[in-house]
Amino acid sequence: SNAGHKDRAREVLEQALAQQPDNVDVLYDLAAVDVELNQQEKALELLAKSAKLAPERADIQRLVAHTSADLGYFGDSIQAWNRYLKLVPNDDVARREHAFAETALGENMQAGMTDLESFVHKHPNDAVGHYELAIAKSPTDRDLALKELDRALTLNPDLAAARMARGVLRYRQGDAAAALPDFEFAARCEPQNPNVLDRLGE
C-alpha cells in the first residue's frame, strides 16, 4: 500500500482477514486501503467492527470521523470525533474537524463557528483551518469567505478544495473570468470529479 499498489494490498489484506477476522490491525489497514480506493462505505463497515474490538484505539476513531465526513455523514463524524477527543483531548486539529462537522451539519452552528475562529486565531498558518472557516462563513458572508480562501491559498496554493470553493463563490458573484482559473486548477487535480467538471463546463 505504501508503495502505491493499492489493489494488490487490498487482495493481500483480504486474505489475511479471512484467516484472522478479528485482527484489529488487519481490519484497520484494509479500511485505510479502501479509503484510498474510494470505497468509503466498505471502509466504514470494517472500521465499525475494529472500533468494537478495540475502543481504545484513537487512530480508528480518527479514520471513522474522516471517512464519515467524506461521505457527508456529519452526525456520525461528530460522534467519532467526540470519542477520539476523549482519548486524545489536546489535539487541536481534531477539535477543528469536529467544529467543521458541526457547521456542516447545521447544529451547534455558533459553537462550531467559534471553535473554527479560535483555531485560525491560534494557528494562523494552517491553510485548512482558513478553508474550513471560509466554507462555514460562505452562506452568510461571501466576502469574508473569499478573504479566508485567499489566505488559505496564499499558505497552500495547491489546496484544490479551496480553489474549487473560491471558484464557486466568484462564479456566484458573476465573475466567471476570475472563477475559471480556479476550476481549471481543480480539474487538473481531480480529473474524475464530476462536480469539478460540471463547474468548469458551466
Protein backbone atom coordinates (compact mmCIF):
# COMPACT_ATOMS: atom_id res chain seq x y z
CA SER A 1 0.00 0.00 0.00
CA ASN A 2 2.75 2.46 0.94
CA ALA A 3 4.42 1.75 -2.39
CA GLY A 4 1.23 2.71 -4.20
CA HIS A 5 -0.02 -0.79 -5.07
CA LYS A 6 -3.45 -0.31 -3.51
CA ASP A 7 -5.35 -3.05 -5.38
CA ARG A 8 -2.69 -5.65 -4.61
CA ALA A 9 -2.58 -4.50 -1.00
CA ARG A 10 -6.33 -4.97 -0.74
CA GLU A 11 -6.09 -8.54 -2.07
CA VAL A 12 -3.41 -9.47 0.45
CA LEU A 13 -5.20 -7.83 3.37
CA GLU A 14 -8.48 -9.57 2.44
CA GLN A 15 -6.63 -12.90 2.53
CA ALA A 16 -5.20 -12.03 5.92
CA LEU A 17 -8.64 -11.01 7.21
CA ALA A 18 -10.11 -14.34 6.08
CA GLN A 19 -7.54 -16.07 8.27
CA GLN A 20 -7.81 -13.63 11.19
CA PRO A 21 -11.26 -11.97 11.06
CA ASP A 22 -10.83 -10.31 14.47
CA ASN A 23 -7.35 -8.93 13.89
CA VAL A 24 -7.79 -5.21 14.55
CA ASP A 25 -4.64 -4.21 12.70
CA VAL A 26 -5.74 -6.05 9.56
CA LEU A 27 -9.23 -4.54 9.79
CA TYR A 28 -7.79 -1.05 10.16
CA ASP A 29 -5.22 -1.44 7.39
CA LEU A 30 -7.80 -2.84 4.99
CA ALA A 31 -10.15 0.03 5.81
CA ALA A 32 -7.36 2.53 5.16
CA VAL A 33 -6.69 0.97 1.75
CA ASP A 34 -10.42 1.01 0.95
CA VAL A 35 -10.46 4.74 1.71
CA GLU A 36 -7.57 5.22 -0.72
CA LEU A 37 -9.55 3.30 -3.34
CA ASN A 38 -12.66 5.45 -2.75
CA GLN A 39 -14.51 2.56 -1.15
CA GLN A 40 -15.56 4.53 1.91
CA GLU A 41 -18.72 2.54 2.63
CA LYS A 42 -16.73 -0.70 2.82
CA ALA A 43 -14.14 1.06 4.94
CA LEU A 44 -16.77 2.18 7.46
CA GLU A 45 -18.03 -1.39 7.87
CA LEU A 46 -14.51 -2.57 8.70
CA LEU A 47 -13.89 0.37 11.00
CA ALA A 48 -17.13 -0.23 12.90
CA LYS A 49 -16.02 -3.78 13.67
CA SER A 50 -12.49 -2.74 14.61
CA ALA A 51 -13.84 0.02 16.87
CA LYS A 52 -15.93 -2.53 18.79
CA LEU A 53 -12.93 -4.81 19.18
CA ALA A 54 -10.56 -2.00 20.23
CA PRO A 55 -12.49 1.00 21.58
CA GLU A 56 -9.26 2.44 23.00
CA ARG A 57 -7.67 2.86 19.54
CA ALA A 58 -7.70 6.58 18.76
CA ASP A 59 -6.46 6.05 15.19
CA ILE A 60 -9.58 4.02 14.41
CA GLN A 61 -11.90 6.74 15.69
CA ARG A 62 -9.99 9.36 13.71
CA LEU A 63 -10.37 7.41 10.48
CA VAL A 64 -14.07 6.81 11.22
CA ALA A 65 -14.52 10.56 11.69
CA HIS A 66 -12.72 11.48 8.46
CA THR A 67 -14.41 8.78 6.38
CA SER A 68 -17.89 9.63 7.70
CA ALA A 69 -17.34 13.30 6.87
CA ASP A 70 -16.14 12.44 3.36
CA LEU A 71 -19.44 10.61 2.81
CA GLY A 72 -21.46 13.50 4.22
CA TYR A 73 -22.39 11.65 7.42
CA PHE A 74 -21.52 14.60 9.61
CA GLY A 75 -23.54 13.40 12.59
CA ASP A 76 -21.54 10.16 12.67
CA SER A 77 -18.36 12.15 12.18
CA ILE A 78 -19.13 14.35 15.20
CA GLN A 79 -19.75 11.29 17.36
CA ALA A 80 -16.46 9.74 16.25
CA TRP A 81 -14.58 12.97 16.96
CA ASN A 82 -16.17 13.05 20.42
CA ARG A 83 -14.86 9.55 21.12
CA TYR A 84 -11.45 10.43 19.68
CA LEU A 85 -11.14 13.60 21.76
CA LYS A 86 -11.81 11.64 24.93
CA LEU A 87 -8.74 9.59 24.05
CA VAL A 88 -6.63 12.50 22.71
CA PRO A 89 -8.01 15.64 24.36
CA ASN A 90 -5.23 18.01 23.30
CA ASP A 91 -5.46 17.50 19.53
CA ASP A 92 -6.30 20.96 18.13
CA VAL A 93 -6.72 19.66 14.58
CA ALA A 94 -9.31 17.15 15.76
CA ARG A 95 -11.19 19.97 17.51
CA ARG A 96 -11.07 21.94 14.25
CA GLU A 97 -12.51 19.00 12.32
CA HIS A 98 -15.18 18.47 14.97
CA ALA A 99 -16.17 22.12 14.69
CA PHE A 100 -16.25 21.96 10.89
CA ALA A 101 -18.53 18.91 11.02
CA GLU A 102 -20.85 20.79 13.37
CA THR A 103 -21.14 23.71 10.95
CA ALA A 104 -21.66 21.33 8.02
CA LEU A 105 -24.45 19.55 9.90
CA GLY A 106 -26.07 22.84 10.84
CA GLU A 107 -26.28 22.01 14.54
CA ASN A 108 -24.42 23.95 17.22
CA MET A 109 -23.51 26.40 14.46
CA GLN A 110 -22.39 29.15 16.79
CA ALA A 111 -20.22 26.82 18.87
CA GLY A 112 -18.70 25.31 15.74
CA MET A 113 -18.04 28.72 14.21
CA THR A 114 -16.45 29.96 17.42
CA ASP A 115 -14.18 26.94 17.55
CA LEU A 116 -13.11 27.42 13.93
CA GLU A 117 -12.37 31.09 14.53
CA SER A 118 -10.41 30.23 17.67
CA PHE A 119 -8.39 27.65 15.77
CA VAL A 120 -7.49 30.08 12.99
CA HIS A 121 -6.50 32.68 15.57
CA LYS A 122 -4.29 30.14 17.34
CA HIS A 123 -2.94 28.58 14.12
CA PRO A 124 -2.83 31.43 11.56
CA ASN A 125 -0.61 29.44 9.19
CA ASP A 126 -2.94 26.47 8.88
CA ALA A 127 -4.37 26.59 5.36
CA VAL A 128 -7.07 24.01 6.02
CA GLY A 129 -8.30 25.99 9.00
CA HIS A 130 -8.84 29.08 6.83
CA TYR A 131 -10.51 26.94 4.16
CA GLU A 132 -12.93 25.34 6.62
CA LEU A 133 -13.76 28.68 8.21
CA ALA A 134 -14.48 30.04 4.72
CA ILE A 135 -16.87 27.18 3.96
CA ALA A 136 -18.68 27.76 7.24
CA LYS A 137 -18.92 31.51 6.57
CA SER A 138 -19.88 31.31 2.88
CA PRO A 139 -23.68 31.04 3.32
CA THR A 140 -23.86 34.28 5.33
CA ASP A 141 -20.77 36.31 4.43
CA ARG A 142 -19.32 35.63 0.98
CA ASP A 143 -16.84 38.50 1.12
CA LEU A 144 -15.30 37.21 4.35
CA ALA A 145 -15.34 33.69 2.96
CA LEU A 146 -13.38 34.85 -0.10
CA LYS A 147 -10.81 36.54 2.13
CA GLU A 148 -10.37 33.33 4.11
CA LEU A 149 -9.99 31.31 0.91
CA ASP A 150 -7.39 33.78 -0.36
CA ARG A 151 -5.49 33.31 2.90
CA ALA A 152 -5.73 29.54 2.63
CA LEU A 153 -4.36 29.61 -0.93
CA THR A 154 -1.60 32.02 -0.02
CA LEU A 155 -0.48 29.46 2.55
CA ASN A 156 -1.04 26.48 0.26
CA PRO A 157 -1.59 27.28 -3.44
CA ASP A 158 -2.13 23.59 -4.20
CA LEU A 159 -5.16 23.16 -1.93
CA ALA A 160 -7.61 22.01 -4.61
CA ALA A 161 -10.68 22.14 -2.36
CA ALA A 162 -10.03 25.80 -1.60
CA ARG A 163 -9.54 26.52 -5.31
CA MET A 164 -12.87 24.89 -6.07
CA ALA A 165 -14.66 26.76 -3.28
CA ARG A 166 -13.20 30.10 -4.36
CA GLY A 167 -14.20 29.42 -7.94
CA VAL A 168 -17.77 28.69 -6.87
CA LEU A 169 -18.00 31.90 -4.85
CA ARG A 170 -16.57 34.01 -7.66
CA TYR A 171 -18.90 32.38 -10.17
CA ARG A 172 -21.91 33.08 -7.96
CA GLN A 173 -20.84 36.70 -7.77
CA GLY A 174 -20.98 36.84 -11.56
CA ASP A 175 -17.22 36.84 -12.16
CA ALA A 176 -16.79 33.82 -14.42
CA ALA A 177 -13.42 35.06 -15.72
CA ALA A 178 -11.97 35.05 -12.20
CA ALA A 179 -13.55 31.68 -11.40
CA LEU A 180 -12.20 29.92 -14.49
CA PRO A 181 -8.54 29.52 -13.40
CA ASP A 182 -9.62 28.02 -10.08
CA PHE A 183 -11.92 25.50 -11.79
CA GLU A 184 -9.18 24.63 -14.30
CA PHE A 185 -6.72 24.03 -11.47
CA ALA A 186 -9.22 21.86 -9.58
CA ALA A 187 -9.93 19.85 -12.73
CA ARG A 188 -6.22 19.15 -13.21
CA CYS A 189 -6.02 17.90 -9.62
CA GLU A 190 -9.24 15.87 -9.76
CA PRO A 191 -9.90 14.99 -13.42
CA GLN A 192 -12.55 12.40 -12.49
CA ASN A 193 -14.53 14.63 -10.13
CA PRO A 194 -17.93 15.25 -11.79
CA ASN A 195 -18.68 18.31 -9.64
CA VAL A 196 -15.45 19.98 -10.73
CA LEU A 197 -16.04 19.14 -14.37
CA ASP A 198 -19.61 20.40 -14.20
CA ARG A 199 -18.49 23.76 -12.82
CA LEU A 200 -15.74 24.02 -15.40
CA GLY A 201 -18.22 23.21 -18.16
CA GLU A 202 -20.51 25.99 -16.99
